[in-house]
Amino acid sequence: VKRGQRKIFRRNKKEYEKLSEHIGLLPSVMV
């Protein structure tokens, strides 16, 4: 994340077109 720019999220060096594509790949639970 850079100030003033969009967030860049990558899986194995390939950028996601939509962040929603990543949800569910690495399930986690936070308390």
All heavy atoms as atom14 arrays in JSON, in Angstrom:
{
  "sequence": "VKRGQRKIFRRNKKEYEKLSEHIGLLPSVMV",
  "atom14_mask": [
    [1, 1, 1, 1, 1, 1, 1, 0, 0, 0, 0, 0, 0, 0],
    [1, 1, 1, 1, 1, 1, 1, 1, 1, 0, 0, 0, 0, 0],
    [1, 1, 1, 1, 1, 1, 1, 1, 1, 1, 1, 0, 0, 0],
    [1, 1, 1, 1, 0, 0, 0, 0, 0, 0, 0, 0, 0, 0],
    [1, 1, 1, 1, 1, 1, 1, 1, 1, 0, 0, 0, 0, 0],
    [1, 1, 1, 1, 1, 1, 1, 1, 1, 1, 1, 0, 0, 0],
    [1, 1, 1, 1, 1, 1, 1, 1, 1, 0, 0, 0, 0, 0],
    [1, 1, 1, 1, 1, 1, 1, 1, 0, 0, 0, 0, 0, 0],
    [1, 1, 1, 1, 1, 1, 1, 1, 1, 1, 1, 0, 0, 0],
    [1, 1, 1, 1, 1, 1, 1, 1, 1, 1, 1, 0, 0, 0],
    [1, 1, 1, 1, 1, 1, 1, 1, 1, 1, 1, 0, 0, 0],
    [1, 1, 1, 1, 1, 1, 1, 1, 0, 0, 0, 0, 0, 0],
    [1, 1, 1, 1, 1, 1, 1, 1, 1, 0, 0, 0, 0, 0],
    [1, 1, 1, 1, 1, 1, 1, 1, 1, 0, 0, 0, 0, 0],
    [1, 1, 1, 1, 1, 1, 1, 1, 1, 0, 0, 0, 0, 0],
    [1, 1, 1, 1, 1, 1, 1, 1, 1, 1, 1, 1, 0, 0],
    [1, 1, 1, 1, 1, 1, 1, 1, 1, 0, 0, 0, 0, 0],
    [1, 1, 1, 1, 1, 1, 1, 1, 1, 0, 0, 0, 0, 0],
    [1, 1, 1, 1, 1, 1, 1, 1, 0, 0, 0, 0, 0, 0],
    [1, 1, 1, 1, 1, 1, 0, 0, 0, 0, 0, 0, 0, 0],
    [1, 1, 1, 1, 1, 1, 1, 1, 1, 0, 0, 0, 0, 0],
    [1, 1, 1, 1, 1, 1, 1, 1, 1, 1, 0, 0, 0, 0],
    [1, 1, 1, 1, 1, 1, 1, 1, 0, 0, 0, 0, 0, 0],
    [1, 1, 1, 1, 0, 0, 0, 0, 0, 0, 0, 0, 0, 0],
    [1, 1, 1, 1, 1, 1, 1, 1, 0, 0, 0, 0, 0, 0],
    [1, 1, 1, 1, 1, 1, 1, 1, 0, 0, 0, 0, 0, 0],
    [1, 1, 1, 1, 1, 1, 1, 0, 0, 0, 0, 0, 0, 0],
    [1, 1, 1, 1, 1, 1, 0, 0, 0, 0, 0, 0, 0, 0],
    [1, 1, 1, 1, 1, 1, 1, 0, 0, 0, 0, 0, 0, 0],
    [1, 1, 1, 1, 1, 1, 1, 1, 0, 0, 0, 0, 0, 0],
    [1, 1, 1, 1, 1, 1, 1, 0, 0, 0, 0, 0, 0, 0]
  ],
  "atom14_positions": [
    [[0.86, -1.19, 0.0], [0.0, 0.0, 0.0], [0.9, 1.24, 0.0], [1.73, 1.41, 0.89], [-0.94, 0.03, 1.22], [-1.67, 1.37, 1.29], [-1.93, -1.11, 1.17], [0.0, 0.0, 0.0], [0.0, 0.0, 0.0], [0.0, 0.0, 0.0], [0.0, 0.0, 0.0], [0.0, 0.0, 0.0], [0.0, 0.0, 0.0], [0.0, 0.0, 0.0]],
    [[0.72, 2.09, -1.04], [1.41, 3.37, -1.12], [0.39, 4.48, -0.96], [-0.74, 4.37, -1.45], [2.13, 3.52, -2.46], [3.28, 2.54, -2.66], [3.98, 2.82, -4.0], [5.13, 1.84, -4.22], [5.81, 2.09, -5.51], [0.0, 0.0, 0.0], [0.0, 0.0, 0.0], [0.0, 0.0, 0.0], [0.0, 0.0, 0.0], [0.0, 0.0, 0.0]],
    [[0.79, 5.53, -0.29], [-0.13, 6.66, -0.09], [-0.59, 7.21, -1.45], [0.21, 7.43, -2.36], [0.55, 7.78, 0.69], [0.91, 7.4, 2.12], [1.35, 8.6, 2.93], [1.92, 8.2, 4.22], [1.19, 7.93, 5.29], [-0.13, 8.0, 5.21], [1.78, 7.58, 6.43], [0.0, 0.0, 0.0], [0.0, 0.0, 0.0], [0.0, 0.0, 0.0]],
    [[-1.91, 7.39, -1.58], [-2.45, 7.96, -2.79], [-2.59, 6.99, -3.95], [-2.99, 7.39, -5.05], [0.0, 0.0, 0.0], [0.0, 0.0, 0.0], [0.0, 0.0, 0.0], [0.0, 0.0, 0.0], [0.0, 0.0, 0.0], [0.0, 0.0, 0.0], [0.0, 0.0, 0.0], [0.0, 0.0, 0.0], [0.0, 0.0, 0.0], [0.0, 0.0, 0.0]],
    [[-2.25, 5.72, -3.71], [-2.35, 4.73, -4.78], [-3.2, 3.55, -4.31], [-3.41, 3.34, -3.13], [-0.96, 4.24, -5.21], [-0.05, 5.33, -5.75], [1.27, 4.79, -6.25], [1.38, 3.64, -6.64], [2.29, 5.65, -6.22], [0.0, 0.0, 0.0], [0.0, 0.0, 0.0], [0.0, 0.0, 0.0], [0.0, 0.0, 0.0], [0.0, 0.0, 0.0]],
    [[-3.66, 2.75, -5.28], [-4.49, 1.6, -4.93], [-3.63, 0.49, -4.33], [-2.43, 0.38, -4.6], [-5.24, 1.09, -6.16], [-4.37, 0.48, -7.23], [-5.2, 0.01, -8.4], [-4.38, -0.61, -9.43], [-4.01, -1.88, -9.42], [-4.38, -2.66, -8.42], [-3.27, -2.37, -10.39], [0.0, 0.0, 0.0], [0.0, 0.0, 0.0], [0.0, 0.0, 0.0]],
    [[-4.27, -0.34, -3.56], [-3.59, -1.47, -2.91], [-3.23, -2.52, -3.96], [-4.02, -2.83, -4.85], [-4.5, -2.06, -1.84], [-3.98, -3.28, -1.16], [-4.7, -3.56, 0.15], [-6.19, -3.43, 0.05], [-6.85, -3.57, 1.35], [0.0, 0.0, 0.0], [0.0, 0.0, 0.0], [0.0, 0.0, 0.0], [0.0, 0.0, 0.0], [0.0, 0.0, 0.0]],
    [[-2.02, -3.07, -3.86], [-1.57, -4.13, -4.76], [-1.44, -5.42, -3.97], [-0.7, -5.49, -2.99], [-0.23, -3.77, -5.42], [-0.38, -2.51, -6.27], [0.27, -4.94, -6.29], [0.92, -2.02, -6.87], [0.0, 0.0, 0.0], [0.0, 0.0, 0.0], [0.0, 0.0, 0.0], [0.0, 0.0, 0.0], [0.0, 0.0, 0.0], [0.0, 0.0, 0.0]],
    [[-2.17, -6.43, -4.4], [-2.19, -7.71, -3.71], [-1.79, -8.79, -4.71], [-2.38, -8.9, -5.79], [-3.61, -8.0, -3.17], [-3.63, -8.68, -1.84], [-3.59, -7.95, -0.67], [-3.67, -10.07, -1.76], [-3.62, -8.58, 0.56], [-3.7, -10.7, -0.54], [-3.67, -9.96, 0.63], [0.0, 0.0, 0.0], [0.0, 0.0, 0.0], [0.0, 0.0, 0.0]],
    [[-0.78, -9.58, -4.36], [-0.26, -10.59, -5.28], [-0.23, -11.98, -4.65], [0.05, -12.12, -3.47], [1.15, -10.23, -5.75], [1.25, -9.0, -6.64], [2.64, -8.86, -7.21], [2.74, -7.76, -8.16], [3.16, -6.55, -7.85], [3.52, -6.27, -6.6], [3.23, -5.62, -8.77], [0.0, 0.0, 0.0], [0.0, 0.0, 0.0], [0.0, 0.0, 0.0]],
    [[-0.52, -12.97, -5.49], [-0.37, -14.37, -5.12], [0.66, -14.99, -6.06], [0.46, -15.03, -7.27], [-1.7, -15.11, -5.24], [-1.61, -16.6, -4.99], [-2.94, -17.28, -5.27], [-2.85, -18.72, -5.05], [-3.82, -19.59, -5.38], [-4.96, -19.15, -5.93], [-3.66, -20.87, -5.15], [0.0, 0.0, 0.0], [0.0, 0.0, 0.0], [0.0, 0.0, 0.0]],
    [[1.77, -15.43, -5.48], [2.86, -16.0, -6.27], [3.26, -15.07, -7.42], [3.37, -15.48, -8.58], [2.47, -17.39, -6.8], [2.17, -18.36, -5.68], [2.8, -18.33, -4.63], [1.19, -19.23, -5.89], [0.0, 0.0, 0.0], [0.0, 0.0, 0.0], [0.0, 0.0, 0.0], [0.0, 0.0, 0.0], [0.0, 0.0, 0.0], [0.0, 0.0, 0.0]],
    [[3.43, -13.8, -7.07], [3.91, -12.72, -7.95], [2.87, -12.27, -8.98], [3.15, -11.37, -9.76], [5.21, -13.13, -8.67], [6.36, -13.41, -7.72], [7.63, -13.74, -8.48], [8.78, -14.02, -7.51], [10.03, -14.33, -8.24], [0.0, 0.0, 0.0], [0.0, 0.0, 0.0], [0.0, 0.0, 0.0], [0.0, 0.0, 0.0], [0.0, 0.0, 0.0]],
    [[1.67, -12.87, -9.0], [0.64, -12.47, -9.94], [-0.4, -11.61, -9.23], [-0.98, -12.05, -8.23], [-0.03, -13.7, -10.57], [-1.09, -13.35, -11.61], [-1.71, -14.59, -12.22], [-2.77, -14.23, -13.24], [-3.39, -15.44, -13.85], [0.0, 0.0, 0.0], [0.0, 0.0, 0.0], [0.0, 0.0, 0.0], [0.0, 0.0, 0.0], [0.0, 0.0, 0.0]],
    [[-0.65, -10.42, -9.74], [-1.57, -9.5, -9.08], [-3.02, -9.92, -9.31], [-3.41, -10.32, -10.41], [-1.37, -8.08, -9.61], [-2.22, -7.04, -8.91], [-1.95, -5.63, -9.4], [-0.96, -5.43, -10.15], [-2.74, -4.73, -9.04], [0.0, 0.0, 0.0], [0.0, 0.0, 0.0], [0.0, 0.0, 0.0], [0.0, 0.0, 0.0], [0.0, 0.0, 0.0]],
    [[-3.81, -9.82, -8.25], [-5.24, -10.09, -8.37], [-5.93, -8.96, -9.13], [-5.63, -7.78, -8.92], [-5.89, -10.19, -6.98], [-5.66, -11.48, -6.25], [-4.74, -11.56, -5.21], [-6.38, -12.63, -6.58], [-4.53, -12.74, -4.51], [-6.18, -13.82, -5.88], [-5.26, -13.88, -4.86], [-5.07, -15.05, -4.17], [0.0, 0.0, 0.0], [0.0, 0.0, 0.0]],
    [[-6.88, -9.33, -10.0], [-7.7, -8.31, -10.64], [-8.74, -7.78, -9.66], [-9.04, -6.59, -9.65], [-8.39, -8.9, -11.87], [-7.42, -9.25, -13.01], [-8.16, -9.74, -14.23], [-9.41, -9.68, -14.26], [-7.48, -10.18, -15.19], [0.0, 0.0, 0.0], [0.0, 0.0, 0.0], [0.0, 0.0, 0.0], [0.0, 0.0, 0.0], [0.0, 0.0, 0.0]],
    [[-9.3, -8.68, -8.85], [-10.26, -8.31, -7.81], [-9.8, -8.91, -6.49], [-9.45, -10.09, -6.43], [-11.66, -8.84, -8.15], [-12.26, -8.28, -9.42], [-13.64, -8.9, -9.66], [-14.27, -8.37, -10.93], [-15.61, -9.01, -11.17], [0.0, 0.0, 0.0], [0.0, 0.0, 0.0], [0.0, 0.0, 0.0], [0.0, 0.0, 0.0], [0.0, 0.0, 0.0]],
    [[-9.82, -8.11, -5.43], [-9.4, -8.61, -4.13], [-10.31, -9.73, -3.63], [-9.87, -10.61, -2.89], [-9.37, -7.46, -3.11], [-8.36, -6.34, -3.37], [-8.45, -5.29, -2.27], [-6.95, -6.89, -3.46], [0.0, 0.0, 0.0], [0.0, 0.0, 0.0], [0.0, 0.0, 0.0], [0.0, 0.0, 0.0], [0.0, 0.0, 0.0], [0.0, 0.0, 0.0]],
    [[-11.58, -9.7, -4.06], [-12.51, -10.74, -3.62], [-12.09, -12.13, -4.08], [-12.5, -13.13, -3.49], [-13.92, -10.43, -4.15], [-13.94, -10.39, -5.56], [0.0, 0.0, 0.0], [0.0, 0.0, 0.0], [0.0, 0.0, 0.0], [0.0, 0.0, 0.0], [0.0, 0.0, 0.0], [0.0, 0.0, 0.0], [0.0, 0.0, 0.0], [0.0, 0.0, 0.0]],
    [[-11.25, -12.21, -5.13], [-10.77, -13.5, -5.61], [-9.89, -14.2, -4.57], [-9.73, -15.42, -4.6], [-9.98, -13.33, -6.91], [-10.8, -12.8, -8.07], [-9.95, -12.48, -9.28], [-8.71, -12.66, -9.19], [-10.49, -12.05, -10.3], [0.0, 0.0, 0.0], [0.0, 0.0, 0.0], [0.0, 0.0, 0.0], [0.0, 0.0, 0.0], [0.0, 0.0, 0.0]],
    [[-9.33, -13.44, -3.66], [-8.41, -14.0, -2.65], [-9.14, -14.55, -1.43], [-8.62, -15.44, -0.74], [-7.43, -12.91, -2.21], [-6.42, -13.36, -1.2], [-5.41, -14.26, -1.49], [-6.25, -13.04, 0.12], [-4.67, -14.48, -0.41], [-5.17, -13.74, 0.58], [0.0, 0.0, 0.0], [0.0, 0.0, 0.0], [0.0, 0.0, 0.0], [0.0, 0.0, 0.0]],
    [[-10.34, -14.04, -1.16], [-11.06, -14.41, 0.05], [-11.39, -15.9, 0.03], [-11.95, -16.41, -0.92], [-12.36, -13.59, 0.2], [-12.05, -12.09, 0.15], [-13.06, -13.95, 1.5], [-11.05, -11.61, 1.18], [0.0, 0.0, 0.0], [0.0, 0.0, 0.0], [0.0, 0.0, 0.0], [0.0, 0.0, 0.0], [0.0, 0.0, 0.0], [0.0, 0.0, 0.0]],
    [[-11.02, -16.58, 1.11], [-11.28, -18.0, 1.24], [-10.07, -18.86, 0.93], [-10.05, -20.04, 1.29], [0.0, 0.0, 0.0], [0.0, 0.0, 0.0], [0.0, 0.0, 0.0], [0.0, 0.0, 0.0], [0.0, 0.0, 0.0], [0.0, 0.0, 0.0], [0.0, 0.0, 0.0], [0.0, 0.0, 0.0], [0.0, 0.0, 0.0], [0.0, 0.0, 0.0]],
    [[-9.06, -18.3, 0.28], [-7.86, -19.09, -0.01], [-7.12, -19.45, 1.26], [-6.68, -20.6, 1.43], [-6.92, -18.3, -0.94], [-5.58, -18.99, -1.25], [-5.8, -20.21, -2.14], [-4.6, -18.02, -1.91], [0.0, 0.0, 0.0], [0.0, 0.0, 0.0], [0.0, 0.0, 0.0], [0.0, 0.0, 0.0], [0.0, 0.0, 0.0], [0.0, 0.0, 0.0]],
    [[-6.97, -18.47, 2.16], [-6.23, -18.66, 3.41], [-7.19, -18.36, 4.57], [-7.13, -17.29, 5.17], [-5.02, -17.73, 3.46], [-4.04, -17.86, 2.29], [-3.02, -16.74, 2.33], [-3.35, -19.23, 2.31], [0.0, 0.0, 0.0], [0.0, 0.0, 0.0], [0.0, 0.0, 0.0], [0.0, 0.0, 0.0], [0.0, 0.0, 0.0], [0.0, 0.0, 0.0]],
    [[-8.09, -19.27, 4.89], [-9.08, -19.0, 5.95], [-8.41, -18.76, 7.29], [-7.41, -19.41, 7.64], [-9.94, -20.26, 5.97], [-9.05, -21.33, 5.4], [-8.2, -20.64, 4.38], [0.0, 0.0, 0.0], [0.0, 0.0, 0.0], [0.0, 0.0, 0.0], [0.0, 0.0, 0.0], [0.0, 0.0, 0.0], [0.0, 0.0, 0.0], [0.0, 0.0, 0.0]],
    [[-8.95, -17.83, 8.05], [-8.42, -17.55, 9.37], [-9.52, -17.07, 10.28], [-10.55, -16.57, 9.83], [-7.29, -16.51, 9.29], [-7.8, -15.26, 8.89], [0.0, 0.0, 0.0], [0.0, 0.0, 0.0], [0.0, 0.0, 0.0], [0.0, 0.0, 0.0], [0.0, 0.0, 0.0], [0.0, 0.0, 0.0], [0.0, 0.0, 0.0], [0.0, 0.0, 0.0]],
    [[-9.27, -17.21, 11.58], [-10.22, -16.78, 12.61], [-9.45, -15.94, 13.62], [-8.41, -16.36, 14.13], [-10.87, -17.99, 13.31], [-11.77, -17.52, 14.46], [-11.66, -18.83, 12.31], [0.0, 0.0, 0.0], [0.0, 0.0, 0.0], [0.0, 0.0, 0.0], [0.0, 0.0, 0.0], [0.0, 0.0, 0.0], [0.0, 0.0, 0.0], [0.0, 0.0, 0.0]],
    [[-9.96, -14.75, 13.9], [-9.31, -13.81, 14.81], [-10.2, -13.57, 16.02], [-11.41, -13.36, 15.89], [-9.07, -12.49, 14.08], [-8.34, -11.44, 14.88], [-6.56, -11.56, 14.69], [-6.1, -9.84, 14.73], [0.0, 0.0, 0.0], [0.0, 0.0, 0.0], [0.0, 0.0, 0.0], [0.0, 0.0, 0.0], [0.0, 0.0, 0.0], [0.0, 0.0, 0.0]],
    [[-9.58, -13.6, 17.22], [-10.3, -13.29, 18.46], [-9.55, -12.17, 19.17], [-8.35, -12.31, 19.45], [-10.39, -14.52, 19.39], [-11.31, -14.21, 20.57], [-10.9, -15.75, 18.64], [0.0, 0.0, 0.0], [0.0, 0.0, 0.0], [0.0, 0.0, 0.0], [0.0, 0.0, 0.0], [0.0, 0.0, 0.0], [0.0, 0.0, 0.0], [0.0, 0.0, 0.0]]
  ]
}
